[in-house]
Amino acid sequence: MTMRNLRHNPYAPVEALILAPRPGVLVTLWRWRTELALVALAAGAAAVMAAAAGQGSWWALFALAGTVSVPATVPAGRKWIARRFWCLYSRHRLQRVFLETPMHTRRGRIPLILWITPTEPGEKAYLLLRAGICADDLEAFGGEIAAACCASAVRVSRHPRRAQFATVEIVRRGEALGEDPWSGLTDTARPIERLAG
């Protein structure tokens, strides 16, 4: 366990005394941006197909339906779709675990997930940490993050020069954690190591 493990805090958590406000409309729209874009694309495709069918342009209907359905029939397309689904799933689960644990500010602000991308073993999320949260806090709750994301392991790395940036690697397939995501920037990039204690 790290010395910063918040479970070892002898004092009552302040979060129990202060109710965090619900996020605003803009924050909610930002967190659901991908799903809203997919719904808008699906609605647009359905409207184009309905208009094409109403005008008797069956070739446009088949062309659009084929463009949408062919990736799901090809193994590489199914793999791409499945990996993007896991990225969306992990993003929402990370946001939820940030809210359910003390990895948020007293005002209820959670770390920003700047980018999440699929990797061979799972996903890699790049985070911008808020004031009062550091990469050690993410490491202390690595078990909760792994459980929330249905992962076998989680690895947290801090940017070598900018402490406000962290990377969370979610390992879902296999056991290899890969190389340090910041290794291309400098030779001093090291993952946070647990202190004996």
N, C-alpha and C. Protein backbone atom coordinates (compact mmCIF):
# COMPACT_ATOMS: atom_id res chain seq x y z
N MET A 1 0.83 -1.18 0.00
CA MET A 1 0.00 0.00 0.00
C MET A 1 0.87 1.24 0.00
N THR A 2 0.41 2.28 -0.65
CA THR A 2 1.16 3.53 -0.63
C THR A 2 0.82 4.30 0.64
N MET A 3 1.72 5.18 1.02
CA MET A 3 1.49 5.99 2.20
C MET A 3 0.33 6.96 1.99
N ARG A 4 0.00 7.25 0.74
CA ARG A 4 -1.08 8.19 0.45
C ARG A 4 -2.43 7.49 0.37
N ASN A 5 -2.51 6.21 0.71
CA ASN A 5 -3.76 5.50 0.61
C ASN A 5 -4.79 6.18 1.49
N LEU A 6 -5.85 6.68 0.89
CA LEU A 6 -6.84 7.46 1.61
C LEU A 6 -7.67 6.63 2.56
N ARG A 7 -7.57 5.32 2.48
CA ARG A 7 -8.29 4.46 3.43
C ARG A 7 -7.67 4.53 4.82
N HIS A 8 -6.41 4.97 4.91
CA HIS A 8 -5.72 5.06 6.19
C HIS A 8 -5.95 6.38 6.89
N ASN A 9 -6.82 7.19 6.37
CA ASN A 9 -7.10 8.50 6.96
C ASN A 9 -7.89 8.33 8.24
N PRO A 10 -7.36 8.79 9.40
CA PRO A 10 -8.07 8.60 10.67
C PRO A 10 -9.24 9.56 10.84
N TYR A 11 -9.38 10.56 10.00
CA TYR A 11 -10.43 11.57 10.16
C TYR A 11 -11.62 11.23 9.27
N ALA A 12 -12.76 11.73 9.67
CA ALA A 12 -13.98 11.50 8.89
C ALA A 12 -13.84 12.19 7.54
N PRO A 13 -14.29 11.56 6.48
CA PRO A 13 -14.17 12.20 5.16
C PRO A 13 -15.05 13.44 5.08
N VAL A 14 -14.51 14.48 4.49
CA VAL A 14 -15.26 15.73 4.33
C VAL A 14 -16.39 15.53 3.33
N GLU A 15 -16.19 14.62 2.37
CA GLU A 15 -17.20 14.40 1.35
C GLU A 15 -18.51 13.91 1.95
N ALA A 16 -18.45 13.24 3.11
CA ALA A 16 -19.68 12.79 3.75
C ALA A 16 -20.48 13.97 4.28
N LEU A 17 -19.80 15.07 4.59
CA LEU A 17 -20.47 16.24 5.13
C LEU A 17 -20.97 17.18 4.05
N ILE A 18 -20.34 17.17 2.90
CA ILE A 18 -20.70 18.08 1.82
C ILE A 18 -21.25 17.28 0.65
N LEU A 19 -22.46 17.60 0.23
CA LEU A 19 -23.02 16.94 -0.94
C LEU A 19 -22.50 17.62 -2.19
N ALA A 20 -21.87 16.85 -3.04
CA ALA A 20 -21.34 17.41 -4.29
C ALA A 20 -22.50 17.74 -5.21
N PRO A 21 -22.46 18.92 -5.84
CA PRO A 21 -23.55 19.27 -6.76
C PRO A 21 -23.52 18.38 -8.00
N ARG A 22 -24.68 18.24 -8.57
CA ARG A 22 -24.77 17.46 -9.81
C ARG A 22 -24.10 18.24 -10.93
N PRO A 23 -23.51 17.53 -11.89
CA PRO A 23 -22.85 18.25 -12.99
C PRO A 23 -23.85 19.03 -13.83
N GLY A 24 -23.38 20.11 -14.42
CA GLY A 24 -24.24 20.94 -15.25
C GLY A 24 -24.53 20.29 -16.59
N VAL A 25 -25.33 20.97 -17.38
CA VAL A 25 -25.75 20.44 -18.67
C VAL A 25 -24.55 20.29 -19.61
N LEU A 26 -23.66 21.28 -19.62
CA LEU A 26 -22.50 21.20 -20.51
C LEU A 26 -21.59 20.04 -20.14
N VAL A 27 -21.39 19.82 -18.84
CA VAL A 27 -20.54 18.71 -18.39
C VAL A 27 -21.18 17.38 -18.78
N THR A 28 -22.48 17.27 -18.59
CA THR A 28 -23.18 16.03 -18.96
C THR A 28 -23.10 15.79 -20.47
N LEU A 29 -23.30 16.84 -21.25
CA LEU A 29 -23.18 16.68 -22.70
C LEU A 29 -21.77 16.29 -23.10
N TRP A 30 -20.75 16.84 -22.44
CA TRP A 30 -19.37 16.50 -22.76
C TRP A 30 -19.08 15.04 -22.42
N ARG A 31 -19.57 14.56 -21.29
CA ARG A 31 -19.31 13.17 -20.88
C ARG A 31 -20.01 12.17 -21.79
N TRP A 32 -21.11 12.56 -22.40
CA TRP A 32 -21.87 11.66 -23.28
C TRP A 32 -21.72 12.05 -24.74
N ARG A 33 -20.65 12.77 -25.10
CA ARG A 33 -20.49 13.29 -26.45
C ARG A 33 -20.43 12.20 -27.51
N THR A 34 -19.75 11.11 -27.25
CA THR A 34 -19.63 10.05 -28.25
C THR A 34 -20.97 9.37 -28.49
N GLU A 35 -21.69 9.08 -27.42
CA GLU A 35 -22.98 8.43 -27.56
C GLU A 35 -23.98 9.34 -28.27
N LEU A 36 -23.94 10.64 -27.96
CA LEU A 36 -24.84 11.57 -28.64
C LEU A 36 -24.51 11.67 -30.12
N ALA A 37 -23.22 11.66 -30.45
CA ALA A 37 -22.81 11.70 -31.87
C ALA A 37 -23.26 10.43 -32.59
N LEU A 38 -23.15 9.28 -31.94
CA LEU A 38 -23.61 8.03 -32.56
C LEU A 38 -25.11 8.03 -32.78
N VAL A 39 -25.87 8.54 -31.81
CA VAL A 39 -27.32 8.61 -31.96
C VAL A 39 -27.69 9.56 -33.10
N ALA A 40 -26.99 10.70 -33.19
CA ALA A 40 -27.25 11.65 -34.27
C ALA A 40 -26.93 11.03 -35.63
N LEU A 41 -25.80 10.31 -35.72
CA LEU A 41 -25.46 9.64 -36.98
C LEU A 41 -26.49 8.57 -37.35
N ALA A 42 -26.93 7.80 -36.36
CA ALA A 42 -27.93 6.76 -36.63
C ALA A 42 -29.25 7.39 -37.08
N ALA A 43 -29.65 8.48 -36.43
CA ALA A 43 -30.89 9.15 -36.83
C ALA A 43 -30.76 9.75 -38.23
N GLY A 44 -29.60 10.32 -38.54
CA GLY A 44 -29.38 10.85 -39.88
C GLY A 44 -29.40 9.77 -40.94
N ALA A 45 -28.76 8.63 -40.64
CA ALA A 45 -28.76 7.52 -41.59
C ALA A 45 -30.17 6.98 -41.80
N ALA A 46 -30.96 6.89 -40.72
CA ALA A 46 -32.33 6.41 -40.85
C ALA A 46 -33.16 7.39 -41.67
N ALA A 47 -32.95 8.69 -41.48
CA ALA A 47 -33.70 9.68 -42.25
C ALA A 47 -33.33 9.61 -43.73
N VAL A 48 -32.05 9.45 -44.05
CA VAL A 48 -31.61 9.35 -45.45
C VAL A 48 -32.18 8.09 -46.09
N MET A 49 -32.15 6.97 -45.35
CA MET A 49 -32.69 5.72 -45.90
C MET A 49 -34.20 5.82 -46.12
N ALA A 50 -34.90 6.47 -45.18
CA ALA A 50 -36.35 6.62 -45.34
C ALA A 50 -36.68 7.53 -46.53
N ALA A 51 -35.90 8.61 -46.67
CA ALA A 51 -36.13 9.52 -47.81
C ALA A 51 -35.82 8.82 -49.13
N ALA A 52 -34.76 8.03 -49.16
CA ALA A 52 -34.39 7.32 -50.39
C ALA A 52 -35.45 6.28 -50.74
N ALA A 53 -35.95 5.58 -49.73
CA ALA A 53 -36.99 4.58 -49.99
C ALA A 53 -38.28 5.24 -50.44
N GLY A 54 -38.59 6.42 -49.88
CA GLY A 54 -39.81 7.13 -50.27
C GLY A 54 -39.76 7.64 -51.69
N GLN A 55 -38.58 7.95 -52.20
CA GLN A 55 -38.44 8.44 -53.57
C GLN A 55 -38.19 7.30 -54.55
N GLY A 56 -38.09 6.10 -54.06
CA GLY A 56 -37.87 4.96 -54.95
C GLY A 56 -36.41 4.74 -55.31
N SER A 57 -35.50 5.38 -54.64
CA SER A 57 -34.06 5.21 -54.89
C SER A 57 -33.53 4.07 -54.03
N TRP A 58 -33.79 2.86 -54.47
CA TRP A 58 -33.38 1.70 -53.67
C TRP A 58 -31.87 1.51 -53.66
N TRP A 59 -31.18 1.97 -54.70
CA TRP A 59 -29.73 1.82 -54.72
C TRP A 59 -29.09 2.64 -53.59
N ALA A 60 -29.63 3.84 -53.29
CA ALA A 60 -29.09 4.65 -52.19
C ALA A 60 -29.35 3.97 -50.85
N LEU A 61 -30.53 3.35 -50.73
CA LEU A 61 -30.85 2.63 -49.50
C LEU A 61 -29.88 1.48 -49.27
N PHE A 62 -29.61 0.70 -50.31
CA PHE A 62 -28.69 -0.43 -50.18
C PHE A 62 -27.25 0.03 -49.97
N ALA A 63 -26.86 1.12 -50.62
CA ALA A 63 -25.49 1.63 -50.45
C ALA A 63 -25.25 2.09 -49.02
N LEU A 64 -26.21 2.82 -48.46
CA LEU A 64 -26.05 3.29 -47.08
C LEU A 64 -26.13 2.15 -46.09
N ALA A 65 -27.05 1.22 -46.31
CA ALA A 65 -27.16 0.08 -45.41
C ALA A 65 -25.91 -0.79 -45.47
N GLY A 66 -25.34 -0.95 -46.66
CA GLY A 66 -24.11 -1.73 -46.79
C GLY A 66 -22.93 -1.06 -46.13
N THR A 67 -22.85 0.27 -46.25
CA THR A 67 -21.76 1.00 -45.61
C THR A 67 -21.81 0.87 -44.10
N VAL A 68 -22.99 0.81 -43.55
CA VAL A 68 -23.14 0.69 -42.11
C VAL A 68 -22.95 -0.75 -41.65
N SER A 69 -23.44 -1.73 -42.42
CA SER A 69 -23.45 -3.10 -41.93
C SER A 69 -22.21 -3.92 -42.30
N VAL A 70 -21.47 -3.55 -43.34
CA VAL A 70 -20.32 -4.34 -43.76
C VAL A 70 -19.24 -4.43 -42.68
N PRO A 71 -18.89 -3.33 -41.98
CA PRO A 71 -17.86 -3.47 -40.94
C PRO A 71 -18.21 -4.50 -39.86
N ALA A 72 -19.49 -4.69 -39.60
CA ALA A 72 -19.89 -5.67 -38.59
C ALA A 72 -19.75 -7.10 -39.08
N THR A 73 -19.65 -7.32 -40.40
CA THR A 73 -19.55 -8.68 -40.92
C THR A 73 -18.11 -9.13 -41.12
N VAL A 74 -17.17 -8.19 -41.14
CA VAL A 74 -15.75 -8.51 -41.34
C VAL A 74 -15.08 -8.65 -39.98
N PRO A 75 -14.23 -9.67 -39.76
CA PRO A 75 -13.60 -9.83 -38.45
C PRO A 75 -12.83 -8.60 -37.98
N ALA A 76 -12.12 -7.94 -38.87
CA ALA A 76 -11.38 -6.74 -38.46
C ALA A 76 -12.34 -5.63 -38.04
N GLY A 77 -13.47 -5.53 -38.71
CA GLY A 77 -14.47 -4.54 -38.34
C GLY A 77 -15.09 -4.82 -36.99
N ARG A 78 -15.38 -6.10 -36.73
CA ARG A 78 -15.94 -6.47 -35.43
C ARG A 78 -14.94 -6.19 -34.31
N LYS A 79 -13.66 -6.45 -34.57
CA LYS A 79 -12.62 -6.18 -33.58
C LYS A 79 -12.53 -4.68 -33.31
N TRP A 80 -12.59 -3.86 -34.37
CA TRP A 80 -12.54 -2.41 -34.21
C TRP A 80 -13.73 -1.91 -33.39
N ILE A 81 -14.93 -2.43 -33.71
CA ILE A 81 -16.14 -2.02 -32.99
C ILE A 81 -16.06 -2.45 -31.52
N ALA A 82 -15.60 -3.68 -31.26
CA ALA A 82 -15.51 -4.16 -29.88
C ALA A 82 -14.51 -3.34 -29.08
N ARG A 83 -13.39 -2.99 -29.67
CA ARG A 83 -12.39 -2.20 -28.93
C ARG A 83 -12.89 -0.79 -28.65
N ARG A 84 -13.62 -0.19 -29.59
CA ARG A 84 -14.17 1.15 -29.34
C ARG A 84 -15.26 1.08 -28.28
N PHE A 85 -16.03 -0.02 -28.27
CA PHE A 85 -17.03 -0.19 -27.21
C PHE A 85 -16.36 -0.24 -25.84
N TRP A 86 -15.27 -1.00 -25.72
CA TRP A 86 -14.58 -1.10 -24.43
C TRP A 86 -13.98 0.24 -24.02
N CYS A 87 -13.55 1.06 -24.98
CA CYS A 87 -13.06 2.39 -24.64
C CYS A 87 -14.18 3.24 -24.04
N LEU A 88 -15.37 3.21 -24.66
CA LEU A 88 -16.50 3.95 -24.12
C LEU A 88 -16.89 3.43 -22.74
N TYR A 89 -16.94 2.11 -22.61
CA TYR A 89 -17.30 1.50 -21.33
C TYR A 89 -16.30 1.90 -20.24
N SER A 90 -15.01 1.83 -20.56
CA SER A 90 -13.99 2.16 -19.57
C SER A 90 -14.04 3.64 -19.20
N ARG A 91 -14.33 4.50 -20.17
CA ARG A 91 -14.41 5.92 -19.86
C ARG A 91 -15.51 6.21 -18.85
N HIS A 92 -16.68 5.62 -19.06
CA HIS A 92 -17.79 5.84 -18.13
C HIS A 92 -17.52 5.19 -16.78
N ARG A 93 -16.89 4.03 -16.78
CA ARG A 93 -16.59 3.37 -15.50
C ARG A 93 -15.52 4.14 -14.73
N LEU A 94 -14.54 4.71 -15.42
CA LEU A 94 -13.55 5.55 -14.74
C LEU A 94 -14.22 6.77 -14.12
N GLN A 95 -15.11 7.42 -14.86
CA GLN A 95 -15.81 8.57 -14.31
C GLN A 95 -16.63 8.18 -13.08
N ARG A 96 -17.24 7.02 -13.11
CA ARG A 96 -18.04 6.58 -11.97
C ARG A 96 -17.18 6.26 -10.76
N VAL A 97 -16.04 5.58 -10.97
CA VAL A 97 -15.17 5.25 -9.83
C VAL A 97 -14.53 6.51 -9.27
N PHE A 98 -14.28 7.53 -10.09
CA PHE A 98 -13.77 8.79 -9.56
C PHE A 98 -14.79 9.45 -8.64
N LEU A 99 -16.07 9.34 -8.98
CA LEU A 99 -17.11 9.93 -8.15
C LEU A 99 -17.38 9.12 -6.88
N GLU A 100 -17.26 7.81 -6.96
CA GLU A 100 -17.58 6.94 -5.82
C GLU A 100 -16.45 6.85 -4.80
N THR A 101 -15.26 7.20 -5.19
CA THR A 101 -14.11 7.18 -4.27
C THR A 101 -13.68 8.63 -4.03
N PRO A 102 -12.75 8.88 -3.13
CA PRO A 102 -12.30 10.26 -2.88
C PRO A 102 -11.40 10.84 -3.98
N MET A 103 -11.49 10.34 -5.20
CA MET A 103 -10.68 10.86 -6.30
C MET A 103 -11.40 11.98 -7.03
N HIS A 104 -11.97 12.89 -6.27
CA HIS A 104 -12.60 14.07 -6.83
C HIS A 104 -12.38 15.22 -5.87
N THR A 105 -12.60 16.42 -6.35
CA THR A 105 -12.44 17.58 -5.48
C THR A 105 -13.64 17.69 -4.56
N ARG A 106 -13.56 18.59 -3.60
CA ARG A 106 -14.68 18.78 -2.68
C ARG A 106 -15.91 19.33 -3.39
N ARG A 107 -15.70 19.94 -4.53
CA ARG A 107 -16.83 20.45 -5.32
C ARG A 107 -17.38 19.39 -6.26
N GLY A 108 -16.83 18.18 -6.22
CA GLY A 108 -17.33 17.08 -7.05
C GLY A 108 -16.73 17.01 -8.43
N ARG A 109 -15.65 17.74 -8.69
CA ARG A 109 -15.01 17.72 -10.01
C ARG A 109 -14.05 16.54 -10.09
N ILE A 110 -14.18 15.77 -11.15
CA ILE A 110 -13.36 14.57 -11.33
C ILE A 110 -12.25 14.86 -12.33
N PRO A 111 -11.22 14.02 -12.38
CA PRO A 111 -10.18 14.20 -13.41
C PRO A 111 -10.78 14.13 -14.81
N LEU A 112 -10.23 14.94 -15.69
CA LEU A 112 -10.70 14.93 -17.08
C LEU A 112 -10.03 13.79 -17.84
N ILE A 113 -10.81 13.02 -18.54
CA ILE A 113 -10.28 11.98 -19.41
C ILE A 113 -10.08 12.63 -20.77
N LEU A 114 -8.83 13.00 -21.04
CA LEU A 114 -8.53 13.71 -22.28
C LEU A 114 -8.66 12.81 -23.49
N TRP A 115 -8.20 11.58 -23.35
CA TRP A 115 -8.17 10.67 -24.49
C TRP A 115 -8.15 9.26 -23.95
N ILE A 116 -8.87 8.38 -24.58
CA ILE A 116 -8.81 6.97 -24.25
C ILE A 116 -8.70 6.22 -25.57
N THR A 117 -7.77 5.30 -25.63
CA THR A 117 -7.49 4.61 -26.89
C THR A 117 -7.30 3.12 -26.63
N PRO A 118 -7.69 2.27 -27.58
CA PRO A 118 -7.46 0.84 -27.39
C PRO A 118 -5.99 0.49 -27.56
N THR A 119 -5.54 -0.47 -26.78
CA THR A 119 -4.20 -1.03 -26.91
C THR A 119 -4.34 -2.53 -27.03
N GLU A 120 -3.24 -3.21 -27.25
CA GLU A 120 -3.31 -4.68 -27.39
C GLU A 120 -3.85 -5.35 -26.12
N PRO A 121 -3.35 -4.99 -24.92
CA PRO A 121 -3.90 -5.65 -23.73
C PRO A 121 -5.21 -5.07 -23.23
N GLY A 122 -5.61 -3.89 -23.67
CA GLY A 122 -6.84 -3.29 -23.15
C GLY A 122 -7.02 -1.87 -23.65
N GLU A 123 -7.03 -0.91 -22.72
CA GLU A 123 -7.18 0.49 -23.07
C GLU A 123 -6.16 1.33 -22.30
N LYS A 124 -5.91 2.52 -22.83
CA LYS A 124 -5.02 3.46 -22.17
C LYS A 124 -5.74 4.80 -22.13
N ALA A 125 -5.91 5.34 -20.92
CA ALA A 125 -6.59 6.62 -20.73
C ALA A 125 -5.59 7.66 -20.28
N TYR A 126 -5.63 8.83 -20.94
CA TYR A 126 -4.78 9.95 -20.56
C TYR A 126 -5.64 10.93 -19.78
N LEU A 127 -5.21 11.28 -18.58
CA LEU A 127 -6.01 12.09 -17.66
C LEU A 127 -5.34 13.42 -17.36
N LEU A 128 -6.15 14.44 -17.16
CA LEU A 128 -5.72 15.71 -16.61
C LEU A 128 -6.28 15.77 -15.20
N LEU A 129 -5.40 15.78 -14.22
CA LEU A 129 -5.81 15.72 -12.82
C LEU A 129 -6.15 17.11 -12.31
N ARG A 130 -7.18 17.19 -11.50
CA ARG A 130 -7.60 18.45 -10.90
C ARG A 130 -6.71 18.78 -9.71
N ALA A 131 -6.79 20.02 -9.24
CA ALA A 131 -6.03 20.42 -8.05
C ALA A 131 -6.52 19.60 -6.85
N GLY A 132 -5.60 19.03 -6.12
CA GLY A 132 -5.94 18.20 -4.97
C GLY A 132 -5.92 16.71 -5.26
N ILE A 133 -5.69 16.33 -6.51
CA ILE A 133 -5.63 14.92 -6.91
C ILE A 133 -4.29 14.71 -7.59
N CYS A 134 -3.64 13.59 -7.27
CA CYS A 134 -2.36 13.28 -7.92
C CYS A 134 -2.38 11.83 -8.38
N ALA A 135 -1.34 11.45 -9.10
CA ALA A 135 -1.27 10.09 -9.64
C ALA A 135 -1.16 9.06 -8.52
N ASP A 136 -0.60 9.45 -7.37
CA ASP A 136 -0.54 8.52 -6.24
C ASP A 136 -1.94 8.14 -5.76
N ASP A 137 -2.87 9.07 -5.83
CA ASP A 137 -4.25 8.77 -5.44
C ASP A 137 -4.86 7.74 -6.39
N LEU A 138 -4.57 7.86 -7.67
CA LEU A 138 -5.07 6.87 -8.63
C LEU A 138 -4.48 5.50 -8.34
N GLU A 139 -3.18 5.46 -7.99
CA GLU A 139 -2.53 4.20 -7.68
C GLU A 139 -3.12 3.57 -6.42
N ALA A 140 -3.47 4.40 -5.44
CA ALA A 140 -4.05 3.88 -4.20
C ALA A 140 -5.38 3.18 -4.44
N PHE A 141 -6.12 3.63 -5.44
CA PHE A 141 -7.41 3.02 -5.76
C PHE A 141 -7.34 2.19 -7.04
N GLY A 142 -6.19 1.61 -7.32
CA GLY A 142 -6.03 0.78 -8.50
C GLY A 142 -6.94 -0.43 -8.51
N GLY A 143 -7.17 -1.02 -7.36
CA GLY A 143 -8.08 -2.17 -7.27
C GLY A 143 -9.51 -1.80 -7.63
N GLU A 144 -9.96 -0.66 -7.16
CA GLU A 144 -11.31 -0.21 -7.47
C GLU A 144 -11.45 0.12 -8.97
N ILE A 145 -10.40 0.71 -9.53
CA ILE A 145 -10.43 1.03 -10.96
C ILE A 145 -10.49 -0.26 -11.78
N ALA A 146 -9.67 -1.25 -11.40
CA ALA A 146 -9.67 -2.52 -12.12
C ALA A 146 -11.02 -3.21 -12.01
N ALA A 147 -11.61 -3.20 -10.81
CA ALA A 147 -12.91 -3.84 -10.62
C ALA A 147 -14.01 -3.12 -11.40
N ALA A 148 -13.97 -1.80 -11.41
CA ALA A 148 -15.00 -1.04 -12.12
C ALA A 148 -14.92 -1.25 -13.62
N CYS A 149 -13.71 -1.40 -14.15
CA CYS A 149 -13.52 -1.55 -15.60
C CYS A 149 -13.49 -3.01 -16.04
N CYS A 150 -13.79 -3.95 -15.14
CA CYS A 150 -13.76 -5.38 -15.47
C CYS A 150 -12.40 -5.79 -16.02
N ALA A 151 -11.34 -5.31 -15.40
CA ALA A 151 -9.98 -5.55 -15.88
C ALA A 151 -9.25 -6.49 -14.94
N SER A 152 -8.16 -7.08 -15.44
CA SER A 152 -7.35 -7.94 -14.58
C SER A 152 -6.31 -7.13 -13.82
N ALA A 153 -5.90 -6.00 -14.36
CA ALA A 153 -4.91 -5.16 -13.69
C ALA A 153 -5.00 -3.73 -14.21
N VAL A 154 -4.44 -2.82 -13.44
CA VAL A 154 -4.38 -1.41 -13.82
C VAL A 154 -2.99 -0.91 -13.49
N ARG A 155 -2.45 -0.11 -14.40
CA ARG A 155 -1.14 0.50 -14.16
C ARG A 155 -1.27 2.01 -14.33
N VAL A 156 -0.77 2.73 -13.35
CA VAL A 156 -0.85 4.18 -13.35
C VAL A 156 0.56 4.74 -13.55
N SER A 157 0.71 5.68 -14.47
CA SER A 157 1.99 6.33 -14.72
C SER A 157 1.78 7.83 -14.70
N ARG A 158 2.75 8.53 -14.14
CA ARG A 158 2.71 9.99 -14.10
C ARG A 158 3.61 10.52 -15.20
N HIS A 159 3.23 11.64 -15.78
CA HIS A 159 4.08 12.29 -16.78
C HIS A 159 5.38 12.71 -16.10
N PRO A 160 6.53 12.54 -16.76
CA PRO A 160 7.80 12.81 -16.09
C PRO A 160 8.03 14.28 -15.75
N ARG A 161 7.45 15.19 -16.51
CA ARG A 161 7.69 16.61 -16.25
C ARG A 161 6.45 17.36 -15.80
N ARG A 162 5.29 16.85 -16.05
CA ARG A 162 4.05 17.54 -15.72
C ARG A 162 3.21 16.64 -14.81
N ALA A 163 3.16 17.00 -13.53
CA ALA A 163 2.48 16.16 -12.54
C ALA A 163 0.97 16.14 -12.71
N GLN A 164 0.41 17.09 -13.46
CA GLN A 164 -1.04 17.12 -13.62
C GLN A 164 -1.54 16.13 -14.66
N PHE A 165 -0.64 15.48 -15.38
CA PHE A 165 -1.03 14.48 -16.37
C PHE A 165 -0.68 13.09 -15.87
N ALA A 166 -1.61 12.16 -16.07
CA ALA A 166 -1.37 10.76 -15.68
C ALA A 166 -1.97 9.86 -16.75
N THR A 167 -1.45 8.64 -16.80
CA THR A 167 -1.95 7.63 -17.72
C THR A 167 -2.43 6.44 -16.91
N VAL A 168 -3.60 5.94 -17.24
CA VAL A 168 -4.13 4.73 -16.62
C VAL A 168 -4.23 3.68 -17.71
N GLU A 169 -3.44 2.61 -17.56
CA GLU A 169 -3.50 1.48 -18.49
C GLU A 169 -4.41 0.42 -17.90
N ILE A 170 -5.44 0.06 -18.64
CA ILE A 170 -6.40 -0.94 -18.20
C ILE A 170 -6.06 -2.22 -18.94
N VAL A 171 -5.67 -3.25 -18.20
CA VAL A 171 -5.27 -4.52 -18.81
C VAL A 171 -6.46 -5.46 -18.75
N ARG A 172 -6.97 -5.79 -19.92
CA ARG A 172 -8.14 -6.66 -20.03
C ARG A 172 -7.79 -8.00 -20.66
N ARG A 173 -6.82 -8.00 -21.59
CA ARG A 173 -6.43 -9.23 -22.28
C ARG A 173 -4.95 -9.49 -22.02
N GLY A 174 -4.63 -10.68 -21.58
CA GLY A 174 -3.24 -11.02 -21.32
C GLY A 174 -2.77 -10.45 -19.99
N GLU A 175 -1.49 -10.62 -19.71
CA GLU A 175 -0.96 -10.16 -18.43
C GLU A 175 0.15 -9.15 -18.59
N ALA A 176 0.68 -8.96 -19.78
CA ALA A 176 1.78 -8.02 -19.97
C ALA A 176 1.25 -6.59 -19.90
N LEU A 177 1.92 -5.75 -19.14
CA LEU A 177 1.51 -4.36 -19.00
C LEU A 177 2.15 -3.46 -20.03
N GLY A 178 3.10 -3.94 -20.79
CA GLY A 178 3.72 -3.12 -21.82
C GLY A 178 4.74 -2.16 -21.25
N GLU A 179 5.28 -1.33 -22.13
CA GLU A 179 6.30 -0.40 -21.70
C GLU A 179 5.65 0.86 -21.13
N ASP A 180 6.45 1.67 -20.50
CA ASP A 180 5.99 2.90 -19.90
C ASP A 180 5.48 3.84 -21.00
N PRO A 181 4.24 4.37 -20.87
CA PRO A 181 3.69 5.19 -21.94
C PRO A 181 4.43 6.50 -22.13
N TRP A 182 5.21 6.94 -21.16
CA TRP A 182 5.94 8.20 -21.28
C TRP A 182 7.40 7.95 -21.66
N SER A 183 7.75 6.72 -22.04
CA SER A 183 9.15 6.38 -22.28
C SER A 183 9.74 7.14 -23.46
N GLY A 184 8.95 7.55 -24.41
CA GLY A 184 9.47 8.29 -25.54
C GLY A 184 9.85 9.72 -25.21
N LEU A 185 9.39 10.22 -24.05
CA LEU A 185 9.65 11.61 -23.71
C LEU A 185 10.98 11.81 -23.00
N THR A 186 11.30 10.91 -22.07
CA THR A 186 12.54 11.04 -21.30
C THR A 186 12.90 9.70 -20.70
N ASP A 187 14.14 9.55 -20.31
CA ASP A 187 14.58 8.30 -19.71
C ASP A 187 14.19 8.19 -18.25
N THR A 188 13.71 9.26 -17.63
CA THR A 188 13.38 9.21 -16.20
C THR A 188 11.92 8.86 -15.96
N ALA A 189 11.17 8.54 -17.01
CA ALA A 189 9.77 8.21 -16.83
C ALA A 189 9.65 6.85 -16.16
N ARG A 190 9.02 6.84 -15.03
CA ARG A 190 8.85 5.60 -14.28
C ARG A 190 7.41 5.54 -13.76
N PRO A 191 6.83 4.34 -13.72
CA PRO A 191 5.52 4.24 -13.12
C PRO A 191 5.61 4.46 -11.61
N ILE A 192 4.52 4.82 -11.01
CA ILE A 192 4.49 5.00 -9.56
C ILE A 192 4.66 3.65 -8.91
N GLU A 193 5.57 3.54 -8.00
CA GLU A 193 5.83 2.27 -7.35
C GLU A 193 5.25 2.32 -5.95
N ARG A 194 4.70 1.22 -5.53
CA ARG A 194 4.13 1.15 -4.19
C ARG A 194 5.24 1.15 -3.16
N LEU A 195 5.02 1.89 -2.10
CA LEU A 195 5.99 1.93 -1.02
C LEU A 195 5.68 0.81 -0.04
N ALA A 196 6.73 0.20 0.48
CA ALA A 196 6.52 -0.83 1.48
C ALA A 196 6.13 -0.15 2.77
N GLY A 197 5.09 -0.59 3.38
CA GLY A 197 4.72 0.06 4.63
C GLY A 197 3.43 -0.42 5.06
